[in-house]
Amino acid sequence: MLVAGNWKMNKNIKETILFFKKFNKLLKTKNKIVLFPSFPCIFVARNSASKTISIGAQNVFFEEKGEFTGEVSCSQLKPFCDFVILGHSDRRHKFFESNQLINKKIKKAFESKFKVILCVGETLKEKNKNKTNSVISNQLKQSLSKIKFTKNLFIAYEPVWAIGTGKNANIKDITKAHSFIQKTLVSLFGKKAEKTQILYGGSVKPENMKEIFSIPKVSGVLVGGASLNPKTFAKIANFK
């Protein structure tokens, strides 16, 4: 299982150090753990986390250098990061990132030997109009256009209506979405894509992790708010 924690724009350097001071002691698992701090805290996170924990970035740009104020390149992140999250709903809906832009970022990230967690998922309006499959299909096909299959690709299904709302997709919703994602990946890359790890994200917490991990098509989780507390996140990370 891959257990990833996305801190979003939370925690300063002091809070990051304190988190790992507690979390390192609580972590007792064979699961793969990845944490995604905000950019200013990545260096201290890498130095504070135990060696079994991977550190990732929440975003990256598709150019190496130049007049791109506010952006961060792959080469700047590579010394500290193994993973990068791309296509998160925050980036899609708050910063209006298109599938075409995400595609450029994924290509660059793979060229730079990053593991990529590509996020896909529908809004409540799209869900109510029965557009879940068409939305996910477009996100996958356009974001992964002209990209060769790699084991460094991970998909996170994050229904937008379940992120930070306390709501959670039920077993039927998650199973259907993950099955559809797998089928779409196979249509893009062939049978070798069947083993691509598909994570679930959307108000994951200790209270619902048992139910989520019991779903056969779920091979990990992308945790938001519950990853900010070392004790809470350890409960999820240590789940067998």
C-alpha atoms as a PDB file:
ATOM      1  CA  MET A   1       0.000   0.000   0.000  1.00  0.00           C
ATOM      2  CA  LEU A   2       1.099   3.542  -0.727  1.00  0.00           C
ATOM      3  CA  VAL A   3       0.050   6.030   1.952  1.00  0.00           C
ATOM      4  CA  ALA A   4       0.585   9.648   0.895  1.00  0.00           C
ATOM      5  CA  GLY A   5      -0.045  12.795   2.912  1.00  0.00           C
ATOM      6  CA  ASN A   6      -0.647  16.136   1.190  1.00  0.00           C
ATOM      7  CA  TRP A   7      -0.104  19.017   3.602  1.00  0.00           C
ATOM      8  CA  LYS A   8      -1.196  21.646   1.063  1.00  0.00           C
ATOM      9  CA  MET A   9      -0.386  25.184   2.342  1.00  0.00           C
ATOM     10  CA  ASN A  10       0.025  24.166   5.976  1.00  0.00           C
ATOM     11  CA  LYS A  11       2.934  23.951   8.434  1.00  0.00           C
ATOM     12  CA  ASN A  12       5.995  26.160   8.756  1.00  0.00           C
ATOM     13  CA  ILE A  13       9.558  24.904   9.279  1.00  0.00           C
ATOM     14  CA  LYS A  14       9.250  24.594  13.061  1.00  0.00           C
ATOM     15  CA  GLU A  15       5.964  22.698  12.773  1.00  0.00           C
ATOM     16  CA  THR A  16       7.480  20.389  10.147  1.00  0.00           C
ATOM     17  CA  ILE A  17      10.371  19.464  12.455  1.00  0.00           C
ATOM     18  CA  LEU A  18       7.990  18.819  15.363  1.00  0.00           C
ATOM     19  CA  PHE A  19       5.753  16.652  13.162  1.00  0.00           C
ATOM     20  CA  PHE A  20       8.554  14.306  12.151  1.00  0.00           C
ATOM     21  CA  LYS A  21       9.962  14.198  15.659  1.00  0.00           C
ATOM     22  CA  LYS A  22       6.690  12.546  16.718  1.00  0.00           C
ATOM     23  CA  PHE A  23       5.774  10.742  13.506  1.00  0.00           C
ATOM     24  CA  ASN A  24       9.116   8.956  13.091  1.00  0.00           C
ATOM     25  CA  LYS A  25       8.611   7.277  16.483  1.00  0.00           C
ATOM     26  CA  LEU A  26       5.018   6.276  15.729  1.00  0.00           C
ATOM     27  CA  LEU A  27       5.640   4.830  12.272  1.00  0.00           C
ATOM     28  CA  LYS A  28       5.696   1.019  12.308  1.00  0.00           C
ATOM     29  CA  THR A  29       4.678  -0.280   8.927  1.00  0.00           C
ATOM     30  CA  LYS A  30       5.741  -1.935   5.689  1.00  0.00           C
ATOM     31  CA  ASN A  31       3.504   0.439   3.735  1.00  0.00           C
ATOM     32  CA  LYS A  32       5.245   2.964   1.475  1.00  0.00           C
ATOM     33  CA  ILE A  33       4.905   6.418   3.067  1.00  0.00           C
ATOM     34  CA  VAL A  34       5.206   9.711   1.181  1.00  0.00           C
ATOM     35  CA  LEU A  35       4.643  13.194   2.565  1.00  0.00           C
ATOM     36  CA  PHE A  36       4.152  16.345   0.526  1.00  0.00           C
ATOM     37  CA  PRO A  37       5.056  19.541   2.415  1.00  0.00           C
ATOM     38  CA  SER A  38       4.836  22.994   0.841  1.00  0.00           C
ATOM     39  CA  PHE A  39       7.951  24.162  -1.006  1.00  0.00           C
ATOM     40  CA  PRO A  40       9.679  26.104   1.832  1.00  0.00           C
ATOM     41  CA  CYS A  41       9.537  23.041   4.108  1.00  0.00           C
ATOM     42  CA  ILE A  42      10.748  20.356   1.693  1.00  0.00           C
ATOM     43  CA  PHE A  43      14.440  20.622   2.646  1.00  0.00           C
ATOM     44  CA  VAL A  44      13.813  20.387   6.383  1.00  0.00           C
ATOM     45  CA  ALA A  45      11.265  17.604   5.851  1.00  0.00           C
ATOM     46  CA  ARG A  46      13.853  15.553   3.954  1.00  0.00           C
ATOM     47  CA  ASN A  47      16.363  16.067   6.769  1.00  0.00           C
ATOM     48  CA  SER A  48      13.840  15.386   9.550  1.00  0.00           C
ATOM     49  CA  ALA A  49      12.001  12.358   8.145  1.00  0.00           C
ATOM     50  CA  SER A  50      13.247   8.838   8.769  1.00  0.00           C
ATOM     51  CA  LYS A  51      14.960   7.147   5.820  1.00  0.00           C
ATOM     52  CA  THR A  52      11.925   4.961   5.114  1.00  0.00           C
ATOM     53  CA  ILE A  53       9.761   8.011   4.350  1.00  0.00           C
ATOM     54  CA  SER A  54       9.757   9.582   0.890  1.00  0.00           C
ATOM     55  CA  ILE A  55       9.262  13.303   0.383  1.00  0.00           C
ATOM     56  CA  GLY A  56       7.393  14.779  -2.539  1.00  0.00           C
ATOM     57  CA  ALA A  57       6.427  18.137  -4.022  1.00  0.00           C
ATOM     58  CA  GLN A  58       2.867  19.346  -4.476  1.00  0.00           C
ATOM     59  CA  ASN A  59       3.557  20.799  -7.908  1.00  0.00           C
ATOM     60  CA  VAL A  60       6.349  21.415 -10.443  1.00  0.00           C
ATOM     61  CA  PHE A  61       6.819  23.446 -13.616  1.00  0.00           C
ATOM     62  CA  PHE A  62       7.632  22.054 -17.066  1.00  0.00           C
ATOM     63  CA  GLU A  63      10.613  24.307 -17.836  1.00  0.00           C
ATOM     64  CA  GLU A  64      14.089  24.032 -16.302  1.00  0.00           C
ATOM     65  CA  LYS A  65      14.872  27.732 -15.897  1.00  0.00           C
ATOM     66  CA  GLY A  66      13.887  31.158 -17.140  1.00  0.00           C
ATOM     67  CA  GLU A  67      11.464  34.003 -16.563  1.00  0.00           C
ATOM     68  CA  PHE A  68       8.782  32.028 -14.720  1.00  0.00           C
ATOM     69  CA  THR A  69       8.285  33.978 -11.506  1.00  0.00           C
ATOM     70  CA  GLY A  70       6.892  31.867  -8.688  1.00  0.00           C
ATOM     71  CA  GLU A  71       7.528  28.501 -10.349  1.00  0.00           C
ATOM     72  CA  VAL A  72       9.865  25.669  -9.265  1.00  0.00           C
ATOM     73  CA  SER A  73      11.706  23.324 -11.622  1.00  0.00           C
ATOM     74  CA  CYS A  74      12.348  19.597 -11.470  1.00  0.00           C
ATOM     75  CA  SER A  75      16.096  20.079 -11.111  1.00  0.00           C
ATOM     76  CA  GLN A  76      15.561  22.373  -8.113  1.00  0.00           C
ATOM     77  CA  LEU A  77      13.424  19.719  -6.408  1.00  0.00           C
ATOM     78  CA  LYS A  78      15.242  16.552  -7.402  1.00  0.00           C
ATOM     79  CA  PRO A  79      17.849  16.542  -4.579  1.00  0.00           C
ATOM     80  CA  PHE A  80      15.063  16.377  -1.985  1.00  0.00           C
ATOM     81  CA  CYS A  81      12.050  14.732  -3.645  1.00  0.00           C
ATOM     82  CA  ASP A  82      11.092  11.355  -5.077  1.00  0.00           C
ATOM     83  CA  PHE A  83       7.455  12.136  -5.897  1.00  0.00           C
ATOM     84  CA  VAL A  84       5.362  14.975  -7.272  1.00  0.00           C
ATOM     85  CA  ILE A  85       1.585  15.473  -7.239  1.00  0.00           C
ATOM     86  CA  LEU A  86       0.122  16.797 -10.485  1.00  0.00           C
ATOM     87  CA  GLY A  87      -3.438  17.562 -11.514  1.00  0.00           C
ATOM     88  CA  HIS A  88      -4.727  18.006  -7.961  1.00  0.00           C
ATOM     89  CA  SER A  89      -8.238  19.456  -7.862  1.00  0.00           C
ATOM     90  CA  ASP A  90      -6.885  22.565  -6.110  1.00  0.00           C
ATOM     91  CA  ARG A  91      -4.680  23.213  -9.131  1.00  0.00           C
ATOM     92  CA  ARG A  92      -7.435  22.346 -11.609  1.00  0.00           C
ATOM     93  CA  HIS A  93     -10.271  24.342 -10.063  1.00  0.00           C
ATOM     94  CA  LYS A  94      -8.594  27.157  -8.100  1.00  0.00           C
ATOM     95  CA  PHE A  95      -5.700  27.840 -10.459  1.00  0.00           C
ATOM     96  CA  PHE A  96      -7.461  26.723 -13.664  1.00  0.00           C
ATOM     97  CA  GLU A  97      -4.787  24.267 -14.794  1.00  0.00           C
ATOM     98  CA  SER A  98      -5.821  22.461 -17.954  1.00  0.00           C
ATOM     99  CA  ASN A  99      -5.167  18.837 -18.868  1.00  0.00           C
ATOM    100  CA  GLN A 100      -2.781  20.121 -21.533  1.00  0.00           C
ATOM    101  CA  LEU A 101      -0.683  22.020 -18.975  1.00  0.00           C
ATOM    102  CA  ILE A 102      -0.703  19.018 -16.638  1.00  0.00           C
ATOM    103  CA  ASN A 103       0.465  16.875 -19.566  1.00  0.00           C
ATOM    104  CA  LYS A 104       3.520  19.111 -20.055  1.00  0.00           C
ATOM    105  CA  LYS A 105       4.346  18.876 -16.351  1.00  0.00           C
ATOM    106  CA  ILE A 106       4.021  15.082 -16.312  1.00  0.00           C
ATOM    107  CA  LYS A 107       6.331  14.725 -19.323  1.00  0.00           C
ATOM    108  CA  LYS A 108       8.979  16.867 -17.628  1.00  0.00           C
ATOM    109  CA  ALA A 109       8.589  15.049 -14.304  1.00  0.00           C
ATOM    110  CA  PHE A 110       9.103  11.654 -15.941  1.00  0.00           C
ATOM    111  CA  GLU A 111      12.114  12.954 -17.876  1.00  0.00           C
ATOM    112  CA  SER A 112      13.542  13.974 -14.491  1.00  0.00           C
ATOM    113  CA  LYS A 113      12.882  10.506 -13.004  1.00  0.00           C
ATOM    114  CA  PHE A 114      10.135  11.553 -10.598  1.00  0.00           C
ATOM    115  CA  LYS A 115       7.311   9.301  -9.503  1.00  0.00           C
ATOM    116  CA  VAL A 116       4.071  11.088 -10.404  1.00  0.00           C
ATOM    117  CA  ILE A 117       0.738  10.931  -8.605  1.00  0.00           C
ATOM    118  CA  LEU A 118      -1.807  12.156 -11.148  1.00  0.00           C
ATOM    119  CA  CYS A 119      -5.073  13.214  -9.534  1.00  0.00           C
ATOM    120  CA  VAL A 120      -8.413  12.802 -11.289  1.00  0.00           C
ATOM    121  CA  GLY A 121     -11.983  13.224 -10.125  1.00  0.00           C
ATOM    122  CA  GLU A 122     -15.347  14.829 -10.701  1.00  0.00           C
ATOM    123  CA  THR A 123     -17.181  17.723  -9.047  1.00  0.00           C
ATOM    124  CA  LEU A 124     -20.562  17.253  -7.358  1.00  0.00           C
ATOM    125  CA  LYS A 125     -22.284  18.901 -10.331  1.00  0.00           C
ATOM    126  CA  GLU A 126     -20.595  16.489 -12.722  1.00  0.00           C
ATOM    127  CA  LYS A 127     -21.443  13.522 -10.506  1.00  0.00           C
ATOM    128  CA  ASN A 128     -25.108  14.523 -10.361  1.00  0.00           C
ATOM    129  CA  LYS A 129     -25.168  14.691 -14.170  1.00  0.00           C
ATOM    130  CA  ASN A 130     -23.675  11.167 -14.393  1.00  0.00           C
ATOM    131  CA  LYS A 131     -20.523  12.550 -15.988  1.00  0.00           C
ATOM    132  CA  THR A 132     -18.025  10.859 -13.647  1.00  0.00           C
ATOM    133  CA  ASN A 133     -16.653   8.468 -16.288  1.00  0.00           C
ATOM    134  CA  SER A 134     -16.433  11.046 -19.070  1.00  0.00           C
ATOM    135  CA  VAL A 135     -14.642  13.531 -16.789  1.00  0.00           C
ATOM    136  CA  ILE A 136     -12.133  10.931 -15.596  1.00  0.00           C
ATOM    137  CA  SER A 137     -11.624   9.641 -19.131  1.00  0.00           C
ATOM    138  CA  ASN A 138     -10.821  13.115 -20.466  1.00  0.00           C
ATOM    139  CA  GLN A 139      -8.499  13.872 -17.560  1.00  0.00           C
ATOM    140  CA  LEU A 140      -6.551  10.639 -18.053  1.00  0.00           C
ATOM    141  CA  LYS A 141      -6.388  10.654 -21.853  1.00  0.00           C
ATOM    142  CA  GLN A 142      -5.435  14.320 -22.184  1.00  0.00           C
ATOM    143  CA  SER A 143      -3.077  14.463 -19.206  1.00  0.00           C
ATOM    144  CA  LEU A 144      -1.258  11.317 -20.364  1.00  0.00           C
ATOM    145  CA  SER A 145      -1.262  12.119 -24.090  1.00  0.00           C
ATOM    146  CA  LYS A 146       1.917  10.968 -25.909  1.00  0.00           C
ATOM    147  CA  ILE A 147       3.424   9.623 -22.692  1.00  0.00           C
ATOM    148  CA  LYS A 148       4.963   6.159 -22.563  1.00  0.00           C
ATOM    149  CA  PHE A 149       3.857   3.804 -19.810  1.00  0.00           C
ATOM    150  CA  THR A 150       6.027   3.744 -16.711  1.00  0.00           C
ATOM    151  CA  LYS A 151       5.813   2.154 -13.286  1.00  0.00           C
ATOM    152  CA  ASN A 152       6.481   5.630 -11.922  1.00  0.00           C
ATOM    153  CA  LEU A 153       2.874   6.594 -12.689  1.00  0.00           C
ATOM    154  CA  PHE A 154       0.355   6.507  -9.835  1.00  0.00           C
ATOM    155  CA  ILE A 155      -3.265   7.638 -10.110  1.00  0.00           C
ATOM    156  CA  ALA A 156      -5.256   9.169  -7.273  1.00  0.00           C
ATOM    157  CA  TYR A 157      -9.033   9.177  -7.596  1.00  0.00           C
ATOM    158  CA  GLU A 158     -10.200  12.213  -5.657  1.00  0.00           C
ATOM    159  CA  PRO A 159     -13.884  13.036  -6.059  1.00  0.00           C
ATOM    160  CA  VAL A 160     -13.833  16.819  -5.657  1.00  0.00           C
ATOM    161  CA  TRP A 161     -17.051  16.749  -3.655  1.00  0.00           C
ATOM    162  CA  ALA A 162     -15.368  14.579  -1.000  1.00  0.00           C
ATOM    163  CA  ILE A 163     -12.193  16.634  -0.472  1.00  0.00           C
ATOM    164  CA  GLY A 164     -12.123  18.532   2.806  1.00  0.00           C
ATOM    165  CA  THR A 165     -15.885  18.215   3.167  1.00  0.00           C
ATOM    166  CA  GLY A 166     -16.044  15.348   5.638  1.00  0.00           C
ATOM    167  CA  LYS A 167     -18.069  13.450   3.030  1.00  0.00           C
ATOM    168  CA  ASN A 168     -16.724  10.208   1.669  1.00  0.00           C
ATOM    169  CA  ALA A 169     -17.500   8.267  -1.457  1.00  0.00           C
ATOM    170  CA  ASN A 170     -19.055   4.903  -0.610  1.00  0.00           C
ATOM    171  CA  ILE A 171     -17.583   1.520  -1.513  1.00  0.00           C
ATOM    172  CA  LYS A 172     -19.680   1.305  -4.686  1.00  0.00           C
ATOM    173  CA  ASP A 173     -18.561   4.774  -5.879  1.00  0.00           C
ATOM    174  CA  ILE A 174     -14.880   4.038  -5.247  1.00  0.00           C
ATOM    175  CA  THR A 175     -14.963   0.542  -6.770  1.00  0.00           C
ATOM    176  CA  LYS A 176     -16.668   1.765  -9.939  1.00  0.00           C
ATOM    177  CA  ALA A 177     -14.311   4.719 -10.353  1.00  0.00           C
ATOM    178  CA  HIS A 178     -11.156   2.687  -9.717  1.00  0.00           C
ATOM    179  CA  SER A 179     -12.298  -0.049 -12.100  1.00  0.00           C
ATOM    180  CA  PHE A 180     -12.998   2.533 -14.782  1.00  0.00           C
ATOM    181  CA  ILE A 181      -9.595   4.164 -14.247  1.00  0.00           C
ATOM    182  CA  GLN A 182      -7.876   0.792 -14.601  1.00  0.00           C
ATOM    183  CA  LYS A 183      -9.765   0.005 -17.814  1.00  0.00           C
ATOM    184  CA  THR A 184      -8.913   3.429 -19.244  1.00  0.00           C
ATOM    185  CA  LEU A 185      -5.219   2.993 -18.430  1.00  0.00           C
ATOM    186  CA  VAL A 186      -5.243  -0.420 -20.154  1.00  0.00           C
ATOM    187  CA  SER A 187      -6.849   1.153 -23.218  1.00  0.00           C
ATOM    188  CA  LEU A 188      -4.050   3.740 -23.267  1.00  0.00           C
ATOM    189  CA  PHE A 189      -1.036   1.590 -22.427  1.00  0.00           C
ATOM    190  CA  GLY A 190      -2.039  -2.052 -22.785  1.00  0.00           C
ATOM    191  CA  LYS A 191      -2.313  -4.863 -20.254  1.00  0.00           C
ATOM    192  CA  LYS A 192       0.894  -3.838 -18.475  1.00  0.00           C
ATOM    193  CA  ALA A 193      -1.034  -0.901 -17.000  1.00  0.00           C
ATOM    194  CA  GLU A 194      -3.306  -3.238 -14.996  1.00  0.00           C
ATOM    195  CA  LYS A 195      -0.899  -3.124 -12.071  1.00  0.00           C
ATOM    196  CA  THR A 196      -0.773   0.673 -11.858  1.00  0.00           C
ATOM    197  CA  GLN A 197      -1.403   1.680  -8.256  1.00  0.00           C
ATOM    198  CA  ILE A 198      -4.650   3.607  -7.899  1.00  0.00           C
ATOM    199  CA  LEU A 199      -5.052   5.583  -4.687  1.00  0.00           C
ATOM    200  CA  TYR A 200      -8.225   6.933  -3.146  1.00  0.00           C
ATOM    201  CA  GLY A 201      -8.319  10.457  -1.755  1.00  0.00           C
ATOM    202  CA  GLY A 202     -11.202  12.353  -0.227  1.00  0.00           C
ATOM    203  CA  SER A 203     -11.655  12.854   3.528  1.00  0.00           C
ATOM    204  CA  VAL A 204      -9.614   9.763   4.399  1.00  0.00           C
ATOM    205  CA  LYS A 205      -9.338   9.384   8.177  1.00  0.00           C
ATOM    206  CA  PRO A 206      -8.814   6.635  10.792  1.00  0.00           C
ATOM    207  CA  GLU A 207     -12.568   6.164  11.112  1.00  0.00           C
ATOM    208  CA  ASN A 208     -13.059   5.122   7.485  1.00  0.00           C
ATOM    209  CA  MET A 209      -9.629   3.732   6.516  1.00  0.00           C
ATOM    210  CA  LYS A 210     -10.592   0.102   7.211  1.00  0.00           C
ATOM    211  CA  GLU A 211     -13.513   0.315   4.803  1.00  0.00           C
ATOM    212  CA  ILE A 212     -11.411   2.067   2.141  1.00  0.00           C
ATOM    213  CA  PHE A 213      -8.469  -0.338   2.398  1.00  0.00           C
ATOM    214  CA  SER A 214     -10.870  -3.290   2.113  1.00  0.00           C
ATOM    215  CA  ILE A 215     -11.784  -2.336  -1.458  1.00  0.00           C
ATOM    216  CA  PRO A 216      -9.827  -4.632  -3.840  1.00  0.00           C
ATOM    217  CA  LYS A 217      -9.174  -1.908  -6.423  1.00  0.00           C
ATOM    218  CA  VAL A 218      -7.653   0.471  -3.857  1.00  0.00           C
ATOM    219  CA  SER A 219      -3.869   0.207  -3.612  1.00  0.00           C
ATOM    220  CA  GLY A 220      -3.270   3.227  -1.410  1.00  0.00           C
ATOM    221  CA  VAL A 221      -4.611   6.546  -0.170  1.00  0.00           C
ATOM    222  CA  LEU A 222      -3.861  10.231  -0.623  1.00  0.00           C
ATOM    223  CA  VAL A 223      -4.654  11.879   2.702  1.00  0.00           C
ATOM    224  CA  GLY A 224      -5.288  15.586   3.207  1.00  0.00           C
ATOM    225  CA  GLY A 225      -6.227  17.107   6.554  1.00  0.00           C
ATOM    226  CA  ALA A 226      -5.684  13.898   8.532  1.00  0.00           C
ATOM    227  CA  SER A 227      -2.004  13.874   7.492  1.00  0.00           C
ATOM    228  CA  LEU A 228      -1.278  17.072   9.443  1.00  0.00           C
ATOM    229  CA  ASN A 229      -1.495  15.375  12.834  1.00  0.00           C
ATOM    230  CA  PRO A 230       1.323  12.851  13.452  1.00  0.00           C
ATOM    231  CA  LYS A 231      -0.800  10.572  15.651  1.00  0.00           C
ATOM    232  CA  THR A 232      -3.754  10.575  13.265  1.00  0.00           C
ATOM    233  CA  PHE A 233      -1.617  10.033  10.187  1.00  0.00           C
ATOM    234  CA  ALA A 234       0.343   7.259  11.924  1.00  0.00           C
ATOM    235  CA  LYS A 235      -2.910   5.367  12.509  1.00  0.00           C
ATOM    236  CA  ILE A 236      -3.587   5.465   8.777  1.00  0.00           C
ATOM    237  CA  ALA A 237       0.025   4.808   7.760  1.00  0.00           C
ATOM    238  CA  ASN A 238       0.346   1.802  10.081  1.00  0.00           C
ATOM    239  CA  PHE A 239      -2.846   0.133   8.858  1.00  0.00           C
ATOM    240  CA  LYS A 240      -2.256  -3.466   7.682  1.00  0.00           C
END
